[in-house]
Amino acid sequence: MEEGLDSHWERRFKAGSVAPDFTLDLHGHTLDAAHARLESGLFQAKAMGARVILLIAGKPRPVDAADRGSRRGAIRAKILDWLAAGPHGSDIAAIRKAHRRHGGEGALYLVLKRRR
């Protein structure tokens, strides 16, 4: 999933100058609803030609593996698993923590590969 980004991208992320093309908010959903929204939202973003997606999933919280389905932070704990196992994993070039202006620890940037 991770092919890396050039230094231009990395500088833009650090400076907070990346403007997301699409925002996908999973915060406050149940696990099942969040997973379904993630899948449909990524299909929608790709159809629109988005390159950078702001994924709002809430702040990560320490959760026991057996408790990931019900405690706070459960969606954030599952995001990487869902992306890796889902139909969109091969379309993602990079995942980065969002800048403070876009939610900081409560959000991620998904950078999609260029379409050819």
PDB file of N, CA and C in Angstrom:
ATOM      1  N   MET A   1       0.827  -1.193   0.000  1.00  0.00           N
ATOM      2  CA  MET A   1       0.000   0.000   0.000  1.00  0.00           C
ATOM      3  C   MET A   1       0.872   1.258   0.000  1.00  0.00           C
ATOM      4  N   GLU A   2       2.014   1.213   0.630  1.00  0.00           N
ATOM      5  CA  GLU A   2       2.824   2.407   0.810  1.00  0.00           C
ATOM      6  C   GLU A   2       3.952   2.440  -0.212  1.00  0.00           C
ATOM      7  N   GLU A   3       3.885   3.322  -1.193  1.00  0.00           N
ATOM      8  CA  GLU A   3       4.968   3.412  -2.171  1.00  0.00           C
ATOM      9  C   GLU A   3       5.829   4.633  -1.931  1.00  0.00           C
ATOM     10  N   GLY A   4       5.429   5.478  -1.012  1.00  0.00           N
ATOM     11  CA  GLY A   4       6.217   6.645  -0.668  1.00  0.00           C
ATOM     12  C   GLY A   4       5.857   7.850  -1.517  1.00  0.00           C
ATOM     13  N   LEU A   5       6.203   8.999  -0.988  1.00  0.00           N
ATOM     14  CA  LEU A   5       5.936  10.258  -1.669  1.00  0.00           C
ATOM     15  C   LEU A   5       7.243  11.011  -1.779  1.00  0.00           C
ATOM     16  N   ASP A   6       7.332  11.879  -2.777  1.00  0.00           N
ATOM     17  CA  ASP A   6       8.553  12.658  -2.899  1.00  0.00           C
ATOM     18  C   ASP A   6       8.600  13.756  -1.838  1.00  0.00           C
ATOM     19  N   SER A   7       9.752  14.408  -1.729  1.00  0.00           N
ATOM     20  CA  SER A   7       9.953  15.397  -0.667  1.00  0.00           C
ATOM     21  C   SER A   7       9.014  16.593  -0.799  1.00  0.00           C
ATOM     22  N   HIS A   8       8.587  16.902  -2.015  1.00  0.00           N
ATOM     23  CA  HIS A   8       7.625  18.001  -2.212  1.00  0.00           C
ATOM     24  C   HIS A   8       6.338  17.714  -1.442  1.00  0.00           C
ATOM     25  N   TRP A   9       5.814  16.506  -1.577  1.00  0.00           N
ATOM     26  CA  TRP A   9       4.602  16.111  -0.849  1.00  0.00           C
ATOM     27  C   TRP A   9       4.841  16.182   0.646  1.00  0.00           C
ATOM     28  N   GLU A  10       5.953  15.625   1.105  1.00  0.00           N
ATOM     29  CA  GLU A  10       6.233  15.576   2.535  1.00  0.00           C
ATOM     30  C   GLU A  10       6.314  16.988   3.130  1.00  0.00           C
ATOM     31  N   ARG A  11       6.951  17.920   2.420  1.00  0.00           N
ATOM     32  CA  ARG A  11       7.018  19.310   2.896  1.00  0.00           C
ATOM     33  C   ARG A  11       5.633  19.926   2.982  1.00  0.00           C
ATOM     34  N   ARG A  12       4.795  19.667   1.995  1.00  0.00           N
ATOM     35  CA  ARG A  12       3.436  20.205   2.002  1.00  0.00           C
ATOM     36  C   ARG A  12       2.618  19.653   3.171  1.00  0.00           C
ATOM     37  N   PHE A  13       2.769  18.375   3.465  1.00  0.00           N
ATOM     38  CA  PHE A  13       2.059  17.795   4.612  1.00  0.00           C
ATOM     39  C   PHE A  13       2.516  18.448   5.907  1.00  0.00           C
ATOM     40  N   LYS A  14       3.817  18.581   6.072  1.00  0.00           N
ATOM     41  CA  LYS A  14       4.365  19.159   7.293  1.00  0.00           C
ATOM     42  C   LYS A  14       3.918  20.608   7.478  1.00  0.00           C
ATOM     43  N   ALA A  15       3.850  21.358   6.385  1.00  0.00           N
ATOM     44  CA  ALA A  15       3.451  22.768   6.458  1.00  0.00           C
ATOM     45  C   ALA A  15       1.943  22.953   6.560  1.00  0.00           C
ATOM     46  N   GLY A  16       1.195  21.910   6.314  1.00  0.00           N
ATOM     47  CA  GLY A  16      -0.263  22.019   6.350  1.00  0.00           C
ATOM     48  C   GLY A  16      -0.833  22.673   5.113  1.00  0.00           C
ATOM     49  N   SER A  17      -0.077  22.645   4.007  1.00  0.00           N
ATOM     50  CA  SER A  17      -0.551  23.313   2.799  1.00  0.00           C
ATOM     51  C   SER A  17      -1.232  22.370   1.810  1.00  0.00           C
ATOM     52  N   VAL A  18      -1.466  21.142   2.221  1.00  0.00           N
ATOM     53  CA  VAL A  18      -2.193  20.198   1.377  1.00  0.00           C
ATOM     54  C   VAL A  18      -3.682  20.500   1.505  1.00  0.00           C
ATOM     55  N   ALA A  19      -4.341  20.654   0.384  1.00  0.00           N
ATOM     56  CA  ALA A  19      -5.789  20.883   0.387  1.00  0.00           C
ATOM     57  C   ALA A  19      -6.481  19.591  -0.046  1.00  0.00           C
ATOM     58  N   PRO A  20      -7.220  18.973   0.859  1.00  0.00           N
ATOM     59  CA  PRO A  20      -7.910  17.727   0.486  1.00  0.00           C
ATOM     60  C   PRO A  20      -8.917  17.968  -0.641  1.00  0.00           C
ATOM     61  N   ASP A  21      -9.006  16.995  -1.534  1.00  0.00           N
ATOM     62  CA  ASP A  21      -9.974  17.044  -2.633  1.00  0.00           C
ATOM     63  C   ASP A  21     -11.327  16.496  -2.204  1.00  0.00           C
ATOM     64  N   PHE A  22     -11.330  15.717  -1.131  1.00  0.00           N
ATOM     65  CA  PHE A  22     -12.536  15.021  -0.695  1.00  0.00           C
ATOM     66  C   PHE A  22     -12.412  14.775   0.808  1.00  0.00           C
ATOM     67  N   THR A  23     -13.496  14.944   1.537  1.00  0.00           N
ATOM     68  CA  THR A  23     -13.502  14.681   2.976  1.00  0.00           C
ATOM     69  C   THR A  23     -14.479  13.555   3.273  1.00  0.00           C
ATOM     70  N   LEU A  24     -14.022  12.616   4.063  1.00  0.00           N
ATOM     71  CA  LEU A  24     -14.818  11.455   4.431  1.00  0.00           C
ATOM     72  C   LEU A  24     -14.832  11.385   5.955  1.00  0.00           C
ATOM     73  N   ASP A  25     -15.996  11.627   6.559  1.00  0.00           N
ATOM     74  CA  ASP A  25     -16.110  11.695   8.014  1.00  0.00           C
ATOM     75  C   ASP A  25     -16.767  10.434   8.564  1.00  0.00           C
ATOM     76  N   LEU A  26     -15.996   9.643   9.302  1.00  0.00           N
ATOM     77  CA  LEU A  26     -16.504   8.407   9.901  1.00  0.00           C
ATOM     78  C   LEU A  26     -16.770   8.569  11.394  1.00  0.00           C
ATOM     79  N   HIS A  27     -16.387   9.691  11.933  1.00  0.00           N
ATOM     80  CA  HIS A  27     -16.501   9.940  13.363  1.00  0.00           C
ATOM     81  C   HIS A  27     -17.960   9.827  13.805  1.00  0.00           C
ATOM     82  N   GLY A  28     -18.191   9.090  14.868  1.00  0.00           N
ATOM     83  CA  GLY A  28     -19.532   8.968  15.425  1.00  0.00           C
ATOM     84  C   GLY A  28     -20.383   7.852  14.842  1.00  0.00           C
ATOM     85  N   HIS A  29     -19.888   7.134  13.835  1.00  0.00           N
ATOM     86  CA  HIS A  29     -20.624   6.013  13.259  1.00  0.00           C
ATOM     87  C   HIS A  29     -20.364   4.735  14.067  1.00  0.00           C
ATOM     88  N   THR A  30     -21.211   3.752  13.905  1.00  0.00           N
ATOM     89  CA  THR A  30     -20.925   2.424  14.444  1.00  0.00           C
ATOM     90  C   THR A  30     -19.835   1.812  13.571  1.00  0.00           C
ATOM     91  N   LEU A  31     -19.221   0.735  14.022  1.00  0.00           N
ATOM     92  CA  LEU A  31     -18.174   0.093  13.221  1.00  0.00           C
ATOM     93  C   LEU A  31     -18.697  -0.333  11.857  1.00  0.00           C
ATOM     94  N   ASP A  32     -19.836  -0.981  11.828  1.00  0.00           N
ATOM     95  CA  ASP A  32     -20.381  -1.451  10.547  1.00  0.00           C
ATOM     96  C   ASP A  32     -20.702  -0.287   9.617  1.00  0.00           C
ATOM     97  N   ALA A  33     -21.323   0.753  10.161  1.00  0.00           N
ATOM     98  CA  ALA A  33     -21.678   1.914   9.339  1.00  0.00           C
ATOM     99  C   ALA A  33     -20.425   2.639   8.853  1.00  0.00           C
ATOM    100  N   ALA A  34     -19.403   2.735   9.713  1.00  0.00           N
ATOM    101  CA  ALA A  34     -18.158   3.397   9.326  1.00  0.00           C
ATOM    102  C   ALA A  34     -17.457   2.631   8.208  1.00  0.00           C
ATOM    103  N   HIS A  35     -17.445   1.307   8.316  1.00  0.00           N
ATOM    104  CA  HIS A  35     -16.808   0.491   7.281  1.00  0.00           C
ATOM    105  C   HIS A  35     -17.524   0.652   5.938  1.00  0.00           C
ATOM    106  N   ALA A  36     -18.836   0.603   5.978  1.00  0.00           N
ATOM    107  CA  ALA A  36     -19.615   0.779   4.745  1.00  0.00           C
ATOM    108  C   ALA A  36     -19.401   2.175   4.160  1.00  0.00           C
ATOM    109  N   ARG A  37     -19.375   3.190   5.010  1.00  0.00           N
ATOM    110  CA  ARG A  37     -19.162   4.573   4.535  1.00  0.00           C
ATOM    111  C   ARG A  37     -17.762   4.747   3.956  1.00  0.00           C
ATOM    112  N   LEU A  38     -16.765   4.108   4.568  1.00  0.00           N
ATOM    113  CA  LEU A  38     -15.400   4.165   4.043  1.00  0.00           C
ATOM    114  C   LEU A  38     -15.354   3.595   2.630  1.00  0.00           C
ATOM    115  N   GLU A  39     -15.923   2.428   2.448  1.00  0.00           N
ATOM    116  CA  GLU A  39     -15.902   1.793   1.124  1.00  0.00           C
ATOM    117  C   GLU A  39     -16.629   2.637   0.084  1.00  0.00           C
ATOM    118  N   SER A  40     -17.849   3.079   0.403  1.00  0.00           N
ATOM    119  CA  SER A  40     -18.614   3.848  -0.579  1.00  0.00           C
ATOM    120  C   SER A  40     -17.984   5.218  -0.814  1.00  0.00           C
ATOM    121  N   GLY A  41     -17.437   5.821   0.246  1.00  0.00           N
ATOM    122  CA  GLY A  41     -16.797   7.124   0.104  1.00  0.00           C
ATOM    123  C   GLY A  41     -15.555   7.064  -0.773  1.00  0.00           C
ATOM    124  N   LEU A  42     -14.772   6.002  -0.639  1.00  0.00           N
ATOM    125  CA  LEU A  42     -13.580   5.875  -1.484  1.00  0.00           C
ATOM    126  C   LEU A  42     -13.953   5.633  -2.944  1.00  0.00           C
ATOM    127  N   PHE A  43     -15.005   4.862  -3.190  1.00  0.00           N
ATOM    128  CA  PHE A  43     -15.484   4.700  -4.569  1.00  0.00           C
ATOM    129  C   PHE A  43     -15.899   6.058  -5.135  1.00  0.00           C
ATOM    130  N   GLN A  44     -16.620   6.832  -4.332  1.00  0.00           N
ATOM    131  CA  GLN A  44     -17.080   8.159  -4.762  1.00  0.00           C
ATOM    132  C   GLN A  44     -15.893   9.094  -5.030  1.00  0.00           C
ATOM    133  N   ALA A  45     -14.927   9.122  -4.119  1.00  0.00           N
ATOM    134  CA  ALA A  45     -13.760   9.996  -4.274  1.00  0.00           C
ATOM    135  C   ALA A  45     -12.982   9.645  -5.543  1.00  0.00           C
ATOM    136  N   LYS A  46     -12.802   8.355  -5.793  1.00  0.00           N
ATOM    137  CA  LYS A  46     -12.077   7.938  -7.000  1.00  0.00           C
ATOM    138  C   LYS A  46     -12.846   8.320  -8.256  1.00  0.00           C
ATOM    139  N   ALA A  47     -14.169   8.176  -8.223  1.00  0.00           N
ATOM    140  CA  ALA A  47     -14.991   8.541  -9.376  1.00  0.00           C
ATOM    141  C   ALA A  47     -14.904  10.032  -9.683  1.00  0.00           C
ATOM    142  N   MET A  48     -14.696  10.834  -8.620  1.00  0.00           N
ATOM    143  CA  MET A  48     -14.582  12.283  -8.786  1.00  0.00           C
ATOM    144  C   MET A  48     -13.169  12.716  -9.171  1.00  0.00           C
ATOM    145  N   GLY A  49     -12.231  11.771  -9.195  1.00  0.00           N
ATOM    146  CA  GLY A  49     -10.856  12.102  -9.533  1.00  0.00           C
ATOM    147  C   GLY A  49     -10.061  12.701  -8.384  1.00  0.00           C
ATOM    148  N   ALA A  50     -10.490  12.477  -7.156  1.00  0.00           N
ATOM    149  CA  ALA A  50      -9.785  13.020  -5.985  1.00  0.00           C
ATOM    150  C   ALA A  50      -8.413  12.374  -5.866  1.00  0.00           C
ATOM    151  N   ARG A  51      -7.464  13.142  -5.403  1.00  0.00           N
ATOM    152  CA  ARG A  51      -6.109  12.619  -5.169  1.00  0.00           C
ATOM    153  C   ARG A  51      -5.804  12.554  -3.677  1.00  0.00           C
ATOM    154  N   VAL A  52      -6.245  13.563  -2.914  1.00  0.00           N
ATOM    155  CA  VAL A  52      -6.007  13.593  -1.465  1.00  0.00           C
ATOM    156  C   VAL A  52      -7.353  13.572  -0.746  1.00  0.00           C
ATOM    157  N   ILE A  53      -7.524  12.570   0.106  1.00  0.00           N
ATOM    158  CA  ILE A  53      -8.758  12.414   0.865  1.00  0.00           C
ATOM    159  C   ILE A  53      -8.455  12.685   2.331  1.00  0.00           C
ATOM    160  N   LEU A  54      -9.265  13.530   2.942  1.00  0.00           N
ATOM    161  CA  LEU A  54      -9.179  13.755   4.381  1.00  0.00           C
ATOM    162  C   LEU A  54     -10.145  12.778   5.039  1.00  0.00           C
ATOM    163  N   LEU A  55      -9.606  11.849   5.806  1.00  0.00           N
ATOM    164  CA  LEU A  55     -10.395  10.814   6.455  1.00  0.00           C
ATOM    165  C   LEU A  55     -10.469  11.127   7.946  1.00  0.00           C
ATOM    166  N   ILE A  56     -11.653  11.500   8.409  1.00  0.00           N
ATOM    167  CA  ILE A  56     -11.864  11.845   9.820  1.00  0.00           C
ATOM    168  C   ILE A  56     -12.387  10.601  10.527  1.00  0.00           C
ATOM    169  N   ALA A  57     -11.599  10.124  11.477  1.00  0.00           N
ATOM    170  CA  ALA A  57     -11.961   8.867  12.140  1.00  0.00           C
ATOM    171  C   ALA A  57     -11.903   8.967  13.657  1.00  0.00           C
ATOM    172  N   GLY A  58     -11.603  10.126  14.201  1.00  0.00           N
ATOM    173  CA  GLY A  58     -11.478  10.269  15.641  1.00  0.00           C
ATOM    174  C   GLY A  58     -10.055   9.991  16.082  1.00  0.00           C
ATOM    175  N   LYS A  59      -9.741  10.448  17.268  1.00  0.00           N
ATOM    176  CA  LYS A  59      -8.387  10.278  17.797  1.00  0.00           C
ATOM    177  C   LYS A  59      -8.143   8.830  18.183  1.00  0.00           C
ATOM    178  N   PRO A  60      -6.909   8.379  17.967  1.00  0.00           N
ATOM    179  CA  PRO A  60      -6.594   7.009  18.392  1.00  0.00           C
ATOM    180  C   PRO A  60      -6.589   6.930  19.914  1.00  0.00           C
ATOM    181  N   ARG A  61      -7.112   5.864  20.435  1.00  0.00           N
ATOM    182  CA  ARG A  61      -7.117   5.639  21.870  1.00  0.00           C
ATOM    183  C   ARG A  61      -6.621   4.223  22.113  1.00  0.00           C
ATOM    184  N   PRO A  62      -5.979   4.020  23.240  1.00  0.00           N
ATOM    185  CA  PRO A  62      -5.540   2.649  23.529  1.00  0.00           C
ATOM    186  C   PRO A  62      -6.765   1.761  23.739  1.00  0.00           C
ATOM    187  N   VAL A  63      -6.808   0.682  23.005  1.00  0.00           N
ATOM    188  CA  VAL A  63      -7.930  -0.256  23.131  1.00  0.00           C
ATOM    189  C   VAL A  63      -7.372  -1.672  23.157  1.00  0.00           C
ATOM    190  N   ASP A  64      -7.925  -2.496  23.997  1.00  0.00           N
ATOM    191  CA  ASP A  64      -7.533  -3.901  24.015  1.00  0.00           C
ATOM    192  C   ASP A  64      -8.046  -4.551  22.745  1.00  0.00           C
ATOM    193  N   ALA A  65      -7.294  -5.496  22.233  1.00  0.00           N
ATOM    194  CA  ALA A  65      -7.665  -6.165  20.985  1.00  0.00           C
ATOM    195  C   ALA A  65      -9.071  -6.760  21.069  1.00  0.00           C
ATOM    196  N   ALA A  66      -9.428  -7.300  22.223  1.00  0.00           N
ATOM    197  CA  ALA A  66     -10.743  -7.927  22.379  1.00  0.00           C
ATOM    198  C   ALA A  66     -11.858  -6.901  22.503  1.00  0.00           C
ATOM    199  N   ASP A  67     -11.500  -5.644  22.674  1.00  0.00           N
ATOM    200  CA  ASP A  67     -12.514  -4.626  22.946  1.00  0.00           C
ATOM    201  C   ASP A  67     -12.657  -3.636  21.803  1.00  0.00           C
ATOM    202  N   ARG A  68     -12.087  -3.918  20.654  1.00  0.00           N
ATOM    203  CA  ARG A  68     -12.081  -2.953  19.559  1.00  0.00           C
ATOM    204  C   ARG A  68     -13.451  -2.667  18.974  1.00  0.00           C
ATOM    205  N   GLY A  69     -14.432  -3.457  19.287  1.00  0.00           N
ATOM    206  CA  GLY A  69     -15.731  -3.252  18.684  1.00  0.00           C
ATOM    207  C   GLY A  69     -16.641  -2.289  19.405  1.00  0.00           C
ATOM    208  N   SER A  70     -16.314  -1.931  20.635  1.00  0.00           N
ATOM    209  CA  SER A  70     -17.286  -1.135  21.376  1.00  0.00           C
ATOM    210  C   SER A  70     -16.725   0.108  22.052  1.00  0.00           C
ATOM    211  N   ARG A  71     -15.448   0.176  22.308  1.00  0.00           N
ATOM    212  CA  ARG A  71     -14.915   1.317  23.037  1.00  0.00           C
ATOM    213  C   ARG A  71     -14.543   2.448  22.103  1.00  0.00           C
ATOM    214  N   ARG A  72     -14.347   3.637  22.707  1.00  0.00           N
ATOM    215  CA  ARG A  72     -13.933   4.795  21.930  1.00  0.00           C
ATOM    216  C   ARG A  72     -12.617   4.488  21.234  1.00  0.00           C
ATOM    217  N   GLY A  73     -12.471   4.966  20.015  1.00  0.00           N
ATOM    218  CA  GLY A  73     -11.260   4.722  19.247  1.00  0.00           C
ATOM    219  C   GLY A  73     -11.336   3.474  18.389  1.00  0.00           C
ATOM    220  N   ALA A  74     -12.486   2.794  18.431  1.00  0.00           N
ATOM    221  CA  ALA A  74     -12.618   1.537  17.696  1.00  0.00           C
ATOM    222  C   ALA A  74     -12.512   1.734  16.181  1.00  0.00           C
ATOM    223  N   ILE A  75     -13.117   2.784  15.645  1.00  0.00           N
ATOM    224  CA  ILE A  75     -13.050   3.035  14.197  1.00  0.00           C
ATOM    225  C   ILE A  75     -11.599   3.290  13.799  1.00  0.00           C
ATOM    226  N   ARG A  76     -10.935   4.170  14.519  1.00  0.00           N
ATOM    227  CA  ARG A  76      -9.543   4.495  14.193  1.00  0.00           C
ATOM    228  C   ARG A  76      -8.663   3.244  14.267  1.00  0.00           C
ATOM    229  N   ALA A  77      -8.949   2.369  15.227  1.00  0.00           N
ATOM    230  CA  ALA A  77      -8.157   1.150  15.388  1.00  0.00           C
ATOM    231  C   ALA A  77      -8.331   0.201  14.208  1.00  0.00           C
ATOM    232  N   LYS A  78      -9.435   0.281  13.498  1.00  0.00           N
ATOM    233  CA  LYS A  78      -9.721  -0.636  12.397  1.00  0.00           C
ATOM    234  C   LYS A  78      -9.371  -0.082  11.012  1.00  0.00           C
ATOM    235  N   ILE A  79      -9.163   1.220  10.894  1.00  0.00           N
ATOM    236  CA  ILE A  79      -8.980   1.862   9.589  1.00  0.00           C
ATOM    237  C   ILE A  79      -7.929   1.180   8.724  1.00  0.00           C
ATOM    238  N   LEU A  80      -6.730   0.990   9.257  1.00  0.00           N
ATOM    239  CA  LEU A  80      -5.660   0.416   8.439  1.00  0.00           C
ATOM    240  C   LEU A  80      -5.982  -1.005   7.999  1.00  0.00           C
ATOM    241  N   ASP A  81      -6.631  -1.775   8.872  1.00  0.00           N
ATOM    242  CA  ASP A  81      -7.045  -3.132   8.501  1.00  0.00           C
ATOM    243  C   ASP A  81      -8.057  -3.084   7.362  1.00  0.00           C
ATOM    244  N   TRP A  82      -9.042  -2.195   7.482  1.00  0.00           N
ATOM    245  CA  TRP A  82     -10.069  -2.081   6.442  1.00  0.00           C
ATOM    246  C   TRP A  82      -9.453  -1.672   5.105  1.00  0.00           C
ATOM    247  N   LEU A  83      -8.533  -0.714   5.150  1.00  0.00           N
ATOM    248  CA  LEU A  83      -7.909  -0.254   3.905  1.00  0.00           C
ATOM    249  C   LEU A  83      -7.062  -1.350   3.268  1.00  0.00           C
ATOM    250  N   ALA A  84      -6.317  -2.078   4.082  1.00  0.00           N
ATOM    251  CA  ALA A  84      -5.450  -3.132   3.552  1.00  0.00           C
ATOM    252  C   ALA A  84      -6.253  -4.291   2.967  1.00  0.00           C
ATOM    253  N   ALA A  85      -7.363  -4.630   3.604  1.00  0.00           N
ATOM    254  CA  ALA A  85      -8.148  -5.789   3.175  1.00  0.00           C
ATOM    255  C   ALA A  85      -9.211  -5.447   2.129  1.00  0.00           C
ATOM    256  N   GLY A  86      -9.507  -4.168   1.967  1.00  0.00           N
ATOM    257  CA  GLY A  86     -10.587  -3.764   1.071  1.00  0.00           C
ATOM    258  C   GLY A  86     -10.152  -3.609  -0.376  1.00  0.00           C
ATOM    259  N   PRO A  87     -11.090  -3.236  -1.217  1.00  0.00           N
ATOM    260  CA  PRO A  87     -10.825  -3.124  -2.654  1.00  0.00           C
ATOM    261  C   PRO A  87     -10.012  -1.888  -3.047  1.00  0.00           C
ATOM    262  N   HIS A  88      -9.724  -1.000  -2.098  1.00  0.00           N
ATOM    263  CA  HIS A  88      -9.049   0.250  -2.437  1.00  0.00           C
ATOM    264  C   HIS A  88      -7.570   0.265  -2.071  1.00  0.00           C
ATOM    265  N   GLY A  89      -7.102  -0.748  -1.378  1.00  0.00           N
ATOM    266  CA  GLY A  89      -5.722  -0.769  -0.891  1.00  0.00           C
ATOM    267  C   GLY A  89      -4.685  -0.519  -1.974  1.00  0.00           C
ATOM    268  N   SER A  90      -4.875  -1.110  -3.131  1.00  0.00           N
ATOM    269  CA  SER A  90      -3.884  -0.957  -4.207  1.00  0.00           C
ATOM    270  C   SER A  90      -3.931   0.428  -4.846  1.00  0.00           C
ATOM    271  N   ASP A  91      -4.958   1.217  -4.542  1.00  0.00           N
ATOM    272  CA  ASP A  91      -5.071   2.573  -5.102  1.00  0.00           C
ATOM    273  C   ASP A  91      -4.455   3.634  -4.196  1.00  0.00           C
ATOM    274  N   ILE A  92      -4.015   3.248  -3.012  1.00  0.00           N
ATOM    275  CA  ILE A  92      -3.497   4.210  -2.037  1.00  0.00           C
ATOM    276  C   ILE A  92      -1.975   4.267  -2.116  1.00  0.00           C
ATOM    277  N   ALA A  93      -1.461   5.465  -2.385  1.00  0.00           N
ATOM    278  CA  ALA A  93      -0.008   5.662  -2.462  1.00  0.00           C
ATOM    279  C   ALA A  93       0.591   5.891  -1.084  1.00  0.00           C
ATOM    280  N   ALA A  94      -0.137   6.581  -0.204  1.00  0.00           N
ATOM    281  CA  ALA A  94       0.402   6.892   1.121  1.00  0.00           C
ATOM    282  C   ALA A  94      -0.720   7.264   2.080  1.00  0.00           C
ATOM    283  N   ILE A  95      -0.429   7.094   3.358  1.00  0.00           N
ATOM    284  CA  ILE A  95      -1.330   7.499   4.435  1.00  0.00           C
ATOM    285  C   ILE A  95      -0.494   8.342   5.391  1.00  0.00           C
ATOM    286  N   ARG A  96      -0.983   9.523   5.708  1.00  0.00           N
ATOM    287  CA  ARG A  96      -0.261  10.416   6.608  1.00  0.00           C
ATOM    288  C   ARG A  96      -1.213  10.985   7.653  1.00  0.00           C
ATOM    289  N   LYS A  97      -0.661  11.338   8.814  1.00  0.00           N
ATOM    290  CA  LYS A  97      -1.469  12.023   9.827  1.00  0.00           C
ATOM    291  C   LYS A  97      -1.829  13.399   9.296  1.00  0.00           C
ATOM    292  N   ALA A  98      -3.021  13.841   9.603  1.00  0.00           N
ATOM    293  CA  ALA A  98      -3.487  15.149   9.136  1.00  0.00           C
ATOM    294  C   ALA A  98      -2.825  16.277   9.932  1.00  0.00           C
ATOM    295  N   HIS A  99      -2.705  17.411   9.278  1.00  0.00           N
ATOM    296  CA  HIS A  99      -2.202  18.619   9.929  1.00  0.00           C
ATOM    297  C   HIS A  99      -3.263  19.091  10.924  1.00  0.00           C
ATOM    298  N   ARG A 100      -2.819  19.877  11.912  1.00  0.00           N
ATOM    299  CA  ARG A 100      -3.753  20.402  12.926  1.00  0.00           C
ATOM    300  C   ARG A 100      -4.968  21.077  12.306  1.00  0.00           C
ATOM    301  N   ARG A 101      -4.765  21.826  11.229  1.00  0.00           N
ATOM    302  CA  ARG A 101      -5.890  22.552  10.633  1.00  0.00           C
ATOM    303  C   ARG A 101      -6.951  21.619  10.042  1.00  0.00           C
ATOM    304  N   HIS A 102      -6.584  20.374   9.796  1.00  0.00           N
ATOM    305  CA  HIS A 102      -7.520  19.403   9.244  1.00  0.00           C
ATOM    306  C   HIS A 102      -7.916  18.320  10.235  1.00  0.00           C
ATOM    307  N   GLY A 103      -7.660  18.541  11.508  1.00  0.00           N
ATOM    308  CA  GLY A 103      -8.096  17.577  12.516  1.00  0.00           C
ATOM    309  C   GLY A 103      -6.980  16.897  13.273  1.00  0.00           C
ATOM    310  N   GLY A 104      -5.747  17.117  12.874  1.00  0.00           N
ATOM    311  CA  GLY A 104      -4.610  16.560  13.608  1.00  0.00           C
ATOM    312  C   GLY A 104      -4.716  15.067  13.824  1.00  0.00           C
ATOM    313  N   GLU A 105      -4.570  14.668  15.069  1.00  0.00           N
ATOM    314  CA  GLU A 105      -4.561  13.240  15.422  1.00  0.00           C
ATOM    315  C   GLU A 105      -5.893  12.544  15.137  1.00  0.00           C
ATOM    316  N   GLY A 106      -6.948  13.313  14.955  1.00  0.00           N
ATOM    317  CA  GLY A 106      -8.260  12.718  14.712  1.00  0.00           C
ATOM    318  C   GLY A 106      -8.547  12.444  13.251  1.00  0.00           C
ATOM    319  N   ALA A 107      -7.547  12.694  12.381  1.00  0.00           N
ATOM    320  CA  ALA A 107      -7.789  12.527  10.948  1.00  0.00           C
ATOM    321  C   ALA A 107      -6.521  12.047  10.240  1.00  0.00           C
ATOM    322  N   LEU A 108      -6.712  11.507   9.063  1.00  0.00           N
ATOM    323  CA  LEU A 108      -5.621  11.027   8.219  1.00  0.00           C
ATOM    324  C   LEU A 108      -5.795  11.573   6.810  1.00  0.00           C
ATOM    325  N   TYR A 109      -4.677  11.706   6.114  1.00  0.00           N
ATOM    326  CA  TYR A 109      -4.727  11.967   4.677  1.00  0.00           C
ATOM    327  C   TYR A 109      -4.484  10.638   3.967  1.00  0.00           C
ATOM    328  N   LEU A 110      -5.316  10.338   3.001  1.00  0.00           N
ATOM    329  CA  LEU A 110      -5.070   9.214   2.111  1.00  0.00           C
ATOM    330  C   LEU A 110      -4.694   9.815   0.766  1.00  0.00           C
ATOM    331  N   VAL A 111      -3.541   9.480   0.257  1.00  0.00           N
ATOM    332  CA  VAL A 111      -3.105   9.971  -1.042  1.00  0.00           C
ATOM    333  C   VAL A 111      -3.284   8.834  -2.031  1.00  0.00           C
ATOM    334  N   LEU A 112      -4.131   9.057  -3.015  1.00  0.00           N
ATOM    335  CA  LEU A 112      -4.382   8.032  -4.015  1.00  0.00           C
ATOM    336  C   LEU A 112      -3.329   8.108  -5.121  1.00  0.00           C
ATOM    337  N   LYS A 113      -3.047   6.965  -5.688  1.00  0.00           N
ATOM    338  CA  LYS A 113      -2.106   6.905  -6.808  1.00  0.00           C
ATOM    339  C   LYS A 113      -2.711   7.640  -7.999  1.00  0.00           C
ATOM    340  N   ARG A 114      -1.851   8.147  -8.845  1.00  0.00           N
ATOM    341  CA  ARG A 114      -2.330   8.796 -10.070  1.00  0.00           C
ATOM    342  C   ARG A 114      -3.014   7.767 -10.952  1.00  0.00           C
ATOM    343  N   ARG A 115      -4.070   8.190 -11.562  1.00  0.00           N
ATOM    344  CA  ARG A 115      -4.777   7.304 -12.500  1.00  0.00           C
ATOM    345  C   ARG A 115      -4.072   7.354 -13.836  1.00  0.00           C
ATOM    346  N   ARG A 116      -3.950   6.229 -14.460  1.00  0.00           N
ATOM    347  CA  ARG A 116      -3.270   6.183 -15.765  1.00  0.00           C
ATOM    348  C   ARG A 116      -4.209   5.829 -16.848  1.00  0.00           C
TER     349      ARG A 116
END
